[in-house]
Amino acid sequence: KATLGICLGAQLMARILGAKVAPMGVKEIGFAPLTLTEAGMASPLRHLENVPVLHWHGDQFDIPPHAEHLAASAVCAHQAFALGKHLMGLQFHLEADPQKLEYWLVGHACELAAAKTDLQQLRNDAQKYGAVLQQAAEAVINEWLDKALAK
């Protein structure tokens, strides 16, 4: 069955598939671009090339055995993996609605304060990148689903 794991979901998938999941020692919170691997450029993630995505995590997964490493960021070496056409794990938040970022800011106020996150920068970046990120996210998910559900 087609399974897409995002953030904790990707970490759980990686762990079940035999990979290590551990704290990075730093929080990666904010909008930043991905560096796509060759496999990432050949995957639906290619729609995210040069599009900053929302990162919001302090743990990272290793790439599971037999999975393809799809993306990295400046802070986190393992941002995405795929295993066949049915499983994809994303450390970043492709699904985040930039128009609802305030809910995240309120719900995670303690975490953001502890990480010394610049809230105004998060708001500004959500406004700046939100529309293009939503378009790219739709293209990624639609293409991935088309391939994952193809017979």
Protein backbone atom coordinates (compact mmCIF):
# COMPACT_ATOMS: atom_id res chain seq x y z
CA LYS A 1 0.00 0.00 0.00
CA ALA A 2 1.11 3.54 -0.68
CA THR A 3 2.52 5.09 2.50
CA LEU A 4 3.83 8.62 2.89
CA GLY A 5 5.50 9.44 6.20
CA ILE A 6 6.08 13.06 7.19
CA CYS A 7 8.41 14.09 10.03
CA LEU A 8 7.65 11.69 12.91
CA GLY A 9 5.88 9.43 10.42
CA ALA A 10 9.05 9.22 8.31
CA GLN A 11 11.12 8.58 11.44
CA LEU A 12 8.81 5.73 12.44
CA MET A 13 8.94 4.27 8.94
CA ALA A 14 12.74 4.48 8.91
CA ARG A 15 12.97 2.76 12.30
CA ILE A 16 10.59 -0.03 11.27
CA LEU A 17 12.68 -0.51 8.12
CA GLY A 18 15.83 -0.99 10.23
CA ALA A 19 17.38 2.49 10.28
CA LYS A 20 18.56 4.46 13.28
CA VAL A 21 16.60 7.52 14.45
CA ALA A 22 18.34 9.87 16.88
CA PRO A 23 18.52 13.49 18.06
CA MET A 24 20.58 15.77 15.84
CA GLY A 25 21.77 17.93 18.74
CA VAL A 26 20.17 20.98 17.12
CA LYS A 27 16.66 21.96 16.05
CA GLU A 28 16.04 22.64 12.38
CA ILE A 29 13.06 25.01 12.36
CA GLY A 30 12.28 27.33 9.48
CA PHE A 31 12.06 27.52 5.72
CA ALA A 32 15.10 26.37 3.77
CA PRO A 33 15.75 24.62 0.46
CA LEU A 34 16.61 20.98 -0.02
CA THR A 35 19.57 19.54 -1.85
CA LEU A 36 18.18 16.78 -4.00
CA THR A 37 20.28 13.71 -4.73
CA GLU A 38 20.39 12.24 -8.22
CA ALA A 39 17.61 9.86 -7.13
CA GLY A 40 15.70 12.83 -5.70
CA MET A 41 15.91 14.68 -9.00
CA ALA A 42 14.45 11.61 -10.72
CA SER A 43 11.63 11.43 -8.16
CA PRO A 44 8.51 13.54 -7.60
CA LEU A 45 10.62 15.66 -5.22
CA ARG A 46 12.16 17.32 -8.28
CA HIS A 47 9.22 19.74 -8.09
CA LEU A 48 10.83 21.11 -4.89
CA GLU A 49 14.09 22.12 -6.53
CA ASN A 50 14.85 25.68 -5.40
CA VAL A 51 11.65 25.80 -3.29
CA PRO A 52 12.23 26.38 0.43
CA VAL A 53 10.27 23.87 2.52
CA LEU A 54 9.28 24.02 6.18
CA HIS A 55 11.68 22.19 8.48
CA TRP A 56 10.58 21.56 12.07
CA HIS A 57 12.45 18.78 13.85
CA GLY A 58 15.29 17.94 16.20
CA ASP A 59 15.70 14.26 15.31
CA GLN A 60 16.77 12.64 12.08
CA PHE A 61 16.64 9.20 10.54
CA ASP A 62 19.34 7.26 8.77
CA ILE A 63 18.39 6.05 5.32
CA PRO A 64 16.90 2.56 5.68
CA PRO A 65 18.64 -0.40 4.03
CA HIS A 66 17.72 -0.75 0.34
CA ALA A 67 15.98 2.67 0.33
CA GLU A 68 17.01 5.53 -1.94
CA HIS A 69 18.33 8.72 -0.35
CA LEU A 70 16.39 11.55 -2.01
CA ALA A 71 17.28 14.81 -0.24
CA ALA A 72 19.37 16.61 2.38
CA SER A 73 19.52 20.12 3.83
CA ALA A 74 22.34 22.23 5.16
CA VAL A 75 21.46 21.11 8.72
CA CYS A 76 20.19 17.55 8.19
CA ALA A 77 21.86 15.04 5.87
CA HIS A 78 18.81 12.80 5.59
CA GLN A 79 15.65 14.65 4.57
CA ALA A 80 13.88 12.11 2.37
CA PHE A 81 13.94 8.48 1.27
CA ALA A 82 11.94 6.14 -0.92
CA LEU A 83 11.64 2.39 -0.88
CA GLY A 84 10.21 1.24 -4.16
CA LYS A 85 7.34 3.26 -5.55
CA HIS A 86 5.02 2.73 -2.57
CA LEU A 87 6.94 4.15 0.42
CA MET A 88 8.29 7.65 0.84
CA GLY A 89 9.50 9.33 4.02
CA LEU A 90 9.96 13.09 4.33
CA GLN A 91 11.64 14.74 7.32
CA PHE A 92 10.35 18.17 6.27
CA HIS A 93 6.76 19.42 6.25
CA LEU A 94 5.45 19.40 2.72
CA GLU A 95 1.87 19.42 4.01
CA ALA A 96 2.09 22.61 6.07
CA ASP A 97 -0.43 25.29 5.13
CA PRO A 98 1.47 28.59 5.43
CA GLN A 99 -1.84 30.38 6.10
CA LYS A 100 -2.20 28.35 9.31
CA LEU A 101 1.34 28.78 10.61
CA GLU A 102 0.09 30.77 13.61
CA TYR A 103 -1.52 27.60 15.00
CA TRP A 104 1.89 25.91 14.92
CA LEU A 105 3.53 28.92 16.57
CA VAL A 106 1.03 28.94 19.43
CA GLY A 107 0.99 25.16 19.85
CA HIS A 108 4.78 24.95 19.98
CA ALA A 109 5.59 28.20 21.81
CA CYS A 110 7.80 26.53 24.44
CA GLU A 111 9.80 24.56 21.85
CA LEU A 112 10.28 27.66 19.69
CA ALA A 113 11.41 29.75 22.66
CA ALA A 114 13.89 27.07 23.76
CA ALA A 115 15.27 26.87 20.20
CA LYS A 116 15.47 30.69 20.04
CA THR A 117 13.51 30.64 16.80
CA ASP A 118 12.85 33.97 15.11
CA LEU A 119 9.05 33.92 14.88
CA GLN A 120 8.83 36.96 12.65
CA GLN A 121 11.23 35.33 10.19
CA LEU A 122 9.01 32.24 10.15
CA ARG A 123 5.97 34.40 9.45
CA ASN A 124 7.77 36.37 6.73
CA ASP A 125 9.05 33.21 5.05
CA ALA A 126 5.60 31.60 5.18
CA GLN A 127 4.23 34.61 3.31
CA LYS A 128 7.17 34.72 0.90
CA TYR A 129 7.29 31.00 0.01
CA GLY A 130 3.80 29.77 0.86
CA ALA A 131 2.14 29.90 -2.55
CA VAL A 132 5.02 28.36 -4.49
CA LEU A 133 5.50 25.69 -1.81
CA GLN A 134 1.81 24.73 -1.96
CA GLN A 135 1.97 24.40 -5.75
CA ALA A 136 5.15 22.33 -5.60
CA ALA A 137 3.73 20.17 -2.78
CA GLU A 138 0.62 19.43 -4.82
CA ALA A 139 2.76 18.43 -7.80
CA VAL A 140 4.94 16.16 -5.62
CA ILE A 141 2.02 14.41 -3.93
CA ASN A 142 -0.01 14.01 -7.13
CA GLU A 143 2.93 12.55 -9.06
CA TRP A 144 3.92 10.26 -6.18
CA LEU A 145 0.35 8.99 -5.80
CA ASP A 146 -0.01 8.43 -9.57
CA LYS A 147 3.12 6.26 -9.53
CA ALA A 148 2.38 4.51 -6.23
CA LEU A 149 -1.17 3.60 -7.24
CA ALA A 150 -0.40 2.64 -10.86
CA LYS A 151 -1.01 -0.99 -11.67
